[in-house]
Amino acid sequence: MDRKSTNSDKPETPTWLPPGQASTAKFPLVGEAEPAPGLDEAGWRLQVGGLVSRPLELDLTQLLALPQQERSIDIHCVTGWSRRDVTMRGVPLATLLEGAGVSPQACFVRFVAHSLRGHDTSLPLPLALADTWLVHWMDGAPLPREHGGPVRTVTPGRYFYKSLKWLARIELLAADAPGYWERESAYHNEADPWREQRFDQARVATAGETRRLREAEDFAPFRGRVLLKARLGGWRPRSLDLKGLQLKYCSFRGAVLAGADLRGANLSLGNFEGADLRGCDFGGADLEGASFAGADLRGASLVDTALSATRFFRDFGGGQRLAAKVEGLRLERARGLLEDQAEFLRNAGVLDHRYF
């Protein structure tokens, strides 16, 4: 699509914003919205074990009796959104571990969630002691359940997947144990947003894997696998049954996917600029961080999709805009749209004004 002029130049990126991030005043819901059954404030317990001389078990009242601190942090999600100055209250991990007697052999700390998929994450112990908090209060109110209440971890210096909802257990370890998102989604184990450590480069799709995908007539062998950073520009798949594929951080520039069934696919951080997506069904797909700038989405269906940090236009210097074609786009129960993208879709007549 041709770039269209706008009335203003692209604003400069704020100095607090890491590369590839978009600012929002919202707190988009990422991951699961509910913990595993049985978790409430009265029944919440935290166990601390592993390489400690005094294992601990605390309920919420005991945690709240520890010295509390409050600070403002910036949240940076791997999908591409950032929120400035979020006020949180809780207990620094270092304060909690003072009572556990951490062994000199401990080099890493693992956090385990009370979640449906058994989420966990890990950090080097020095980093965790310096920068990890157990948070129960956010922006003047108890931490909402969908964002990890009653207690979650927060590590401001890392992408937010290193901050765990519904904390249940802390383990001190001699060797690292990479977490759920690192194992299942090829996320980077260090997760430094200023270095854009989003994915594990060692797991990038090889030329052979990409070629086999391009030439496949049946995508069943690819389901259940993550293909990362595959170069799929100009792709014309031989089958349009692309349901459930996990093609993350891939380039689909100029791909011809009109009419494809992409229900339940994970296409997060994909680049669809200039792609033909007319009539595609993205029902239930994860499109977080994807760019549809310049794509043809006419008649496509985005129902029950995850859209945090998803872009439907991109602005350039000189007042130029690369925008998607969205006539006839079906957009229902979308989750996580950032403010500027929602305004674009609302002005295009495909998003109800009551979205916010």
Protein backbone atom coordinates (compact mmCIF):
# COMPACT_ATOMS: atom_id res chain seq x y z
CA MET A 1 0.00 0.00 0.00
CA ASP A 2 1.16 3.53 -0.74
CA ARG A 3 2.21 5.65 2.20
CA LYS A 4 -0.33 8.38 2.92
CA SER A 5 0.48 11.78 4.34
CA THR A 6 -0.59 12.86 7.80
CA ASN A 7 -0.51 16.30 9.37
CA SER A 8 2.41 15.71 11.71
CA ASP A 9 5.79 14.10 11.76
CA LYS A 10 6.47 10.97 13.74
CA PRO A 11 7.23 11.94 17.36
CA GLU A 12 10.59 11.16 18.86
CA THR A 13 10.84 8.03 21.00
CA PRO A 14 10.84 8.90 24.74
CA THR A 15 14.14 8.19 26.44
CA TRP A 16 12.49 5.84 28.96
CA LEU A 17 11.14 3.57 26.21
CA PRO A 18 13.32 0.61 25.13
CA PRO A 19 13.71 -0.15 21.41
CA GLY A 20 10.71 -1.68 19.67
CA GLN A 21 8.25 -0.69 22.42
CA ALA A 22 5.04 1.37 22.25
CA SER A 23 3.82 3.44 25.20
CA THR A 24 0.38 2.88 26.72
CA ALA A 25 -1.54 4.11 29.75
CA LYS A 26 -3.38 0.77 29.87
CA PHE A 27 -2.34 -2.46 31.58
CA PRO A 28 -3.04 -5.02 28.84
CA LEU A 29 -3.92 -8.50 30.03
CA VAL A 30 -1.25 -10.99 28.98
CA GLY A 31 -1.18 -14.73 29.56
CA GLU A 32 -3.86 -16.41 31.63
CA ALA A 33 -6.59 -14.32 33.25
CA GLU A 34 -7.28 -16.76 36.10
CA PRO A 35 -5.06 -18.83 38.39
CA ALA A 36 -5.53 -22.54 38.93
CA PRO A 37 -8.67 -23.33 40.95
CA GLY A 38 -8.52 -22.91 44.70
CA LEU A 39 -6.48 -19.72 45.01
CA ASP A 40 -7.86 -16.91 47.18
CA GLU A 41 -6.45 -14.49 49.72
CA ALA A 42 -7.46 -16.61 52.70
CA GLY A 43 -5.86 -19.74 51.29
CA TRP A 44 -2.78 -18.16 49.71
CA ARG A 45 0.51 -19.65 50.89
CA LEU A 46 4.09 -19.01 49.84
CA GLN A 47 6.75 -21.68 50.29
CA VAL A 48 10.46 -20.87 50.22
CA GLY A 49 12.83 -23.83 49.85
CA GLY A 50 15.75 -25.30 47.97
CA LEU A 51 19.22 -24.20 49.03
CA VAL A 52 18.18 -22.52 52.28
CA SER A 53 18.90 -23.49 55.87
CA ARG A 54 15.48 -22.38 57.13
CA PRO A 55 12.62 -23.20 54.73
CA LEU A 56 9.69 -20.80 55.07
CA GLU A 57 5.94 -20.92 54.63
CA LEU A 58 3.97 -17.68 54.85
CA ASP A 59 0.34 -16.73 54.52
CA LEU A 60 -0.76 -13.31 53.29
CA THR A 61 -1.01 -11.84 56.79
CA GLN A 62 2.58 -12.84 57.54
CA LEU A 63 3.81 -11.41 54.24
CA LEU A 64 2.06 -8.10 54.94
CA ALA A 65 3.70 -8.00 58.38
CA LEU A 66 7.14 -7.80 56.76
CA PRO A 67 8.62 -4.33 56.06
CA GLN A 68 6.75 -2.89 53.07
CA GLN A 69 8.09 -0.54 50.43
CA GLU A 70 6.55 1.40 47.56
CA ARG A 71 8.12 2.38 44.26
CA SER A 72 7.23 3.48 40.75
CA ILE A 73 8.41 1.25 37.93
CA ASP A 74 8.17 0.97 34.16
CA ILE A 75 6.68 -2.24 32.75
CA HIS A 76 8.03 -3.57 29.43
CA CYS A 77 6.17 -6.50 27.85
CA VAL A 78 7.96 -8.68 25.30
CA THR A 79 5.01 -8.24 22.92
CA GLY A 80 5.93 -4.58 22.50
CA TRP A 81 3.99 -2.43 24.96
CA SER A 82 5.39 -0.42 27.87
CA ARG A 83 3.65 1.40 30.71
CA ARG A 84 5.34 4.28 32.51
CA ASP A 85 5.40 4.93 36.26
CA VAL A 86 3.30 2.12 37.70
CA THR A 87 3.15 2.50 41.48
CA MET A 88 3.53 -0.81 43.30
CA ARG A 89 3.82 -1.82 46.93
CA GLY A 90 5.29 -4.97 48.35
CA VAL A 91 8.28 -6.73 49.88
CA PRO A 92 11.72 -6.83 48.24
CA LEU A 93 12.82 -10.43 47.69
CA ALA A 94 16.03 -9.65 49.57
CA THR A 95 14.00 -8.79 52.67
CA LEU A 96 12.05 -12.05 52.51
CA LEU A 97 15.14 -14.20 52.01
CA GLU A 98 16.92 -12.71 55.01
CA GLY A 99 14.92 -15.09 57.17
CA ALA A 100 15.57 -18.17 55.03
CA GLY A 101 19.34 -18.52 55.38
CA VAL A 102 20.35 -18.70 51.72
CA SER A 103 23.16 -21.19 51.09
CA PRO A 104 26.44 -19.96 49.54
CA GLN A 105 25.88 -22.59 46.83
CA ALA A 106 22.71 -20.86 45.63
CA CYS A 107 23.26 -19.05 42.32
CA PHE A 108 19.73 -18.84 40.88
CA VAL A 109 16.20 -18.37 42.13
CA ARG A 110 13.13 -20.02 40.60
CA PHE A 111 9.59 -18.73 41.02
CA VAL A 112 6.61 -21.08 40.58
CA ALA A 113 3.02 -19.99 39.97
CA HIS A 114 -0.34 -21.33 41.09
CA SER A 115 -1.40 -21.36 37.43
CA LEU A 116 -3.24 -23.69 35.09
CA ARG A 117 -0.12 -24.37 33.04
CA GLY A 118 2.33 -24.44 35.93
CA HIS A 119 4.17 -21.29 34.92
CA ASP A 120 7.61 -20.68 36.35
CA THR A 121 10.57 -18.42 35.70
CA SER A 122 14.13 -18.02 36.95
CA LEU A 123 16.70 -15.28 37.52
CA PRO A 124 20.34 -15.12 38.59
CA LEU A 125 20.28 -14.68 42.35
CA PRO A 126 22.25 -11.38 42.41
CA LEU A 127 19.81 -9.80 39.92
CA ALA A 128 16.79 -11.09 41.83
CA LEU A 129 18.10 -9.80 45.16
CA ALA A 130 18.74 -6.39 43.64
CA ASP A 131 15.59 -5.94 41.56
CA THR A 132 12.76 -8.42 42.35
CA TRP A 133 9.77 -7.58 44.51
CA LEU A 134 6.79 -9.52 45.84
CA VAL A 135 3.95 -7.16 44.93
CA HIS A 136 0.39 -7.13 46.30
CA TRP A 137 -0.69 -3.50 45.63
CA MET A 138 -0.78 -1.50 42.40
CA ASP A 139 -1.86 2.07 41.67
CA GLY A 140 -3.57 2.51 45.03
CA ALA A 141 -5.53 -0.75 45.13
CA PRO A 142 -4.95 -4.46 45.78
CA LEU A 143 -3.34 -6.18 42.81
CA PRO A 144 -6.15 -7.37 40.49
CA ARG A 145 -6.59 -11.11 40.22
CA GLU A 146 -6.12 -11.12 36.43
CA HIS A 147 -2.75 -9.42 36.87
CA GLY A 148 -1.49 -11.87 39.46
CA GLY A 149 -3.22 -11.04 42.73
CA PRO A 150 -3.02 -11.60 45.57
CA VAL A 151 0.79 -11.70 45.16
CA ARG A 152 3.09 -11.72 42.15
CA THR A 153 6.74 -11.03 41.49
CA VAL A 154 7.93 -7.96 39.61
CA THR A 155 11.43 -7.51 38.20
CA PRO A 156 11.42 -4.07 36.50
CA GLY A 157 14.73 -4.48 34.69
CA ARG A 158 13.51 -7.40 32.56
CA TYR A 159 10.69 -8.11 30.11
CA PHE A 160 7.51 -8.79 32.01
CA TYR A 161 7.49 -12.58 31.45
CA LYS A 162 10.20 -12.65 34.11
CA SER A 163 7.59 -11.29 36.54
CA LEU A 164 5.35 -14.14 37.69
CA LYS A 165 1.63 -14.04 38.47
CA TRP A 166 0.07 -15.90 41.43
CA LEU A 167 3.30 -16.67 43.23
CA ALA A 168 3.22 -20.00 45.11
CA ARG A 169 6.81 -21.12 45.61
CA ILE A 170 10.37 -19.78 45.61
CA GLU A 171 13.30 -22.16 45.17
CA LEU A 172 17.00 -21.38 45.56
CA LEU A 173 19.09 -23.37 43.07
CA ALA A 174 22.74 -24.07 42.28
CA ALA A 175 22.05 -24.36 38.53
CA ASP A 176 19.60 -22.48 36.37
CA ALA A 177 16.19 -23.90 35.41
CA PRO A 178 14.80 -21.85 32.49
CA GLY A 179 11.13 -21.03 32.86
CA TYR A 180 7.88 -21.81 31.07
CA TRP A 181 8.07 -19.13 28.38
CA GLU A 182 11.73 -19.86 27.70
CA ARG A 183 10.98 -23.58 27.26
CA GLU A 184 7.68 -23.35 25.41
CA SER A 185 7.98 -20.14 23.39
CA ALA A 186 11.73 -19.73 22.83
CA TYR A 187 11.86 -16.52 24.86
CA HIS A 188 15.30 -15.28 25.80
CA ASN A 189 16.52 -16.37 29.22
CA GLU A 190 18.07 -12.98 30.03
CA ALA A 191 15.16 -10.80 28.80
CA ASP A 192 16.87 -7.40 28.88
CA PRO A 193 14.51 -4.96 27.09
CA TRP A 194 17.28 -2.45 26.40
CA ARG A 195 19.15 -5.12 24.46
CA GLU A 196 15.91 -6.40 22.86
CA GLN A 197 16.48 -9.90 24.15
CA ARG A 198 13.02 -11.15 23.19
CA PHE A 199 13.85 -14.58 21.79
CA ASP A 200 16.59 -17.20 22.03
CA GLN A 201 18.63 -16.70 18.87
CA ALA A 202 19.88 -20.28 19.06
CA ARG A 203 16.33 -21.42 18.28
CA VAL A 204 15.78 -19.34 15.14
CA ALA A 205 14.33 -21.43 12.29
CA THR A 206 16.99 -22.78 9.97
CA ALA A 207 16.90 -22.34 6.21
CA GLY A 208 15.95 -26.01 5.90
CA GLU A 209 13.05 -25.73 8.36
CA THR A 210 11.77 -22.63 6.60
CA ARG A 211 12.00 -24.31 3.19
CA ARG A 212 10.08 -27.36 4.43
CA LEU A 213 7.34 -25.12 5.78
CA ARG A 214 7.14 -23.16 2.55
CA GLU A 215 6.82 -26.33 0.49
CA ALA A 216 4.50 -28.25 2.80
CA GLU A 217 1.10 -29.41 1.60
CA ASP A 218 0.03 -30.57 5.07
CA PHE A 219 0.96 -28.55 8.15
CA ALA A 220 0.13 -31.23 10.74
CA PRO A 221 3.86 -32.03 11.35
CA PHE A 222 4.49 -28.37 12.25
CA ARG A 223 1.73 -28.06 14.84
CA GLY A 224 2.98 -28.15 18.41
CA ARG A 225 6.35 -26.68 17.39
CA VAL A 226 7.59 -23.10 17.56
CA LEU A 227 9.18 -21.72 14.40
CA LEU A 228 11.02 -18.55 15.23
CA LYS A 229 12.03 -15.77 12.85
CA ALA A 230 11.26 -17.79 9.71
CA ARG A 231 11.58 -15.75 6.52
CA LEU A 232 8.19 -16.22 4.83
CA GLY A 233 8.07 -13.09 2.68
CA GLY A 234 6.01 -13.60 -0.49
CA TRP A 235 4.84 -17.03 0.73
CA ARG A 236 1.92 -18.65 -1.13
CA PRO A 237 1.14 -21.73 0.99
CA ARG A 238 -0.06 -24.82 -0.86
CA SER A 239 -2.70 -25.36 1.80
CA LEU A 240 -4.70 -22.65 3.55
CA ASP A 241 -5.22 -24.80 6.65
CA LEU A 242 -2.79 -22.98 8.94
CA LYS A 243 -4.72 -23.56 12.17
CA GLY A 244 -2.71 -23.63 15.37
CA LEU A 245 0.71 -22.96 13.86
CA GLN A 246 3.23 -21.20 16.10
CA LEU A 247 5.12 -18.87 13.75
CA LYS A 248 6.57 -16.26 16.08
CA TYR A 249 8.57 -13.17 15.11
CA CYS A 250 8.36 -14.29 11.47
CA SER A 251 8.36 -12.12 8.36
CA PHE A 252 5.28 -12.48 6.13
CA ARG A 253 6.02 -9.36 4.08
CA GLY A 254 4.05 -9.55 0.84
CA ALA A 255 2.79 -13.07 1.59
CA VAL A 256 -0.41 -14.16 -0.19
CA LEU A 257 -2.56 -15.76 2.50
CA ALA A 258 -6.02 -14.69 1.33
CA GLY A 259 -8.69 -16.98 2.76
CA ALA A 260 -6.31 -18.80 5.12
CA ASP A 261 -7.62 -20.49 8.27
CA LEU A 262 -5.35 -19.15 11.01
CA ARG A 263 -7.60 -19.89 13.96
CA GLY A 264 -5.69 -20.45 17.18
CA ALA A 265 -2.35 -19.65 15.57
CA ASN A 266 0.38 -17.86 17.49
CA LEU A 267 1.73 -15.18 15.18
CA SER A 268 3.06 -12.83 17.83
CA LEU A 269 5.49 -10.13 16.67
CA GLY A 270 4.95 -11.20 13.05
CA ASN A 271 5.55 -8.72 10.23
CA PHE A 272 2.61 -8.83 7.79
CA GLU A 273 3.36 -5.54 6.08
CA GLY A 274 2.03 -5.61 2.53
CA ALA A 275 0.55 -9.12 2.91
CA ASP A 276 -2.71 -10.18 1.25
CA LEU A 277 -4.88 -11.30 4.17
CA ARG A 278 -8.30 -10.81 2.64
CA GLY A 279 -10.89 -13.06 4.24
CA CYS A 280 -8.45 -14.69 6.66
CA ASP A 281 -9.89 -16.17 9.84
CA PHE A 282 -7.72 -15.21 12.82
CA GLY A 283 -10.25 -16.40 15.41
CA GLY A 284 -8.60 -16.98 18.79
CA ALA A 285 -5.14 -16.21 17.41
CA ASP A 286 -2.32 -14.55 19.31
CA LEU A 287 -1.39 -11.48 17.27
CA GLU A 288 0.37 -9.57 20.05
CA GLY A 289 3.04 -7.26 18.71
CA ALA A 290 2.30 -8.12 15.06
CA SER A 291 2.42 -5.41 12.39
CA PHE A 292 -0.35 -5.24 9.79
CA ALA A 293 0.77 -1.86 8.46
CA GLY A 294 0.09 -1.84 4.72
CA ALA A 295 -1.58 -5.28 4.80
CA ASP A 296 -4.90 -6.01 3.12
CA LEU A 297 -7.28 -7.17 5.87
CA ARG A 298 -10.52 -6.56 4.00
CA GLY A 299 -13.15 -9.07 5.05
CA ALA A 300 -10.85 -10.77 7.56
CA SER A 301 -12.09 -11.96 10.95
CA LEU A 302 -10.38 -11.03 14.22
CA VAL A 303 -12.67 -12.53 16.83
CA ASP A 304 -11.38 -13.33 20.33
CA THR A 305 -7.85 -12.37 19.31
CA ALA A 306 -5.02 -11.07 21.49
CA LEU A 307 -4.00 -7.69 20.08
CA SER A 308 -1.77 -6.01 22.67
CA ALA A 309 0.79 -3.86 20.83
CA THR A 310 -0.59 -5.03 17.46
CA ARG A 311 -0.16 -2.32 14.83
CA PHE A 312 -2.50 -1.52 11.96
CA PHE A 313 -0.51 1.49 10.79
CA ARG A 314 3.02 2.79 11.02
CA ASP A 315 4.07 6.44 10.86
CA PHE A 316 7.29 7.72 9.35
CA GLY A 317 9.11 11.02 9.31
CA GLY A 318 7.70 13.65 6.99
CA GLY A 319 4.12 12.88 7.94
CA GLN A 320 3.93 9.60 6.02
CA ARG A 321 1.69 6.74 7.17
CA LEU A 322 1.59 3.11 6.06
CA ALA A 323 -1.91 1.86 6.94
CA ALA A 324 -3.78 -1.41 6.60
CA LYS A 325 -6.89 -1.80 4.46
CA VAL A 326 -9.59 -2.73 6.95
CA GLU A 327 -12.90 -2.35 5.10
CA GLY A 328 -15.22 -5.13 6.20
CA LEU A 329 -12.86 -6.32 8.93
CA ARG A 330 -14.75 -8.22 11.63
CA LEU A 331 -13.33 -7.22 15.01
CA GLU A 332 -15.05 -8.60 18.09
CA ARG A 333 -13.91 -9.21 21.67
CA ALA A 334 -10.41 -7.97 20.86
CA ARG A 335 -8.06 -7.84 23.82
CA GLY A 336 -5.27 -5.37 24.48
CA LEU A 337 -5.48 -2.84 21.64
CA LEU A 338 -3.35 0.20 22.45
CA GLU A 339 -4.90 3.65 22.33
CA ASP A 340 -3.62 4.91 18.97
CA GLN A 341 -4.46 1.65 17.17
CA ALA A 342 -7.95 1.56 18.65
CA GLU A 343 -8.51 5.15 17.48
CA PHE A 344 -7.41 4.23 13.95
CA LEU A 345 -9.80 1.27 13.82
CA ARG A 346 -12.62 3.30 15.35
CA ASN A 347 -12.15 6.03 12.74
CA ALA A 348 -12.19 3.33 10.06
CA GLY A 349 -15.58 2.18 11.31
CA VAL A 350 -14.58 -1.33 12.42
CA LEU A 351 -14.35 -0.71 16.19
CA ASP A 352 -17.21 0.38 18.39
CA HIS A 353 -16.68 3.73 20.14
CA ARG A 354 -17.44 1.98 23.46
CA TYR A 355 -14.21 -0.05 23.28
CA PHE A 356 -12.64 2.19 25.93
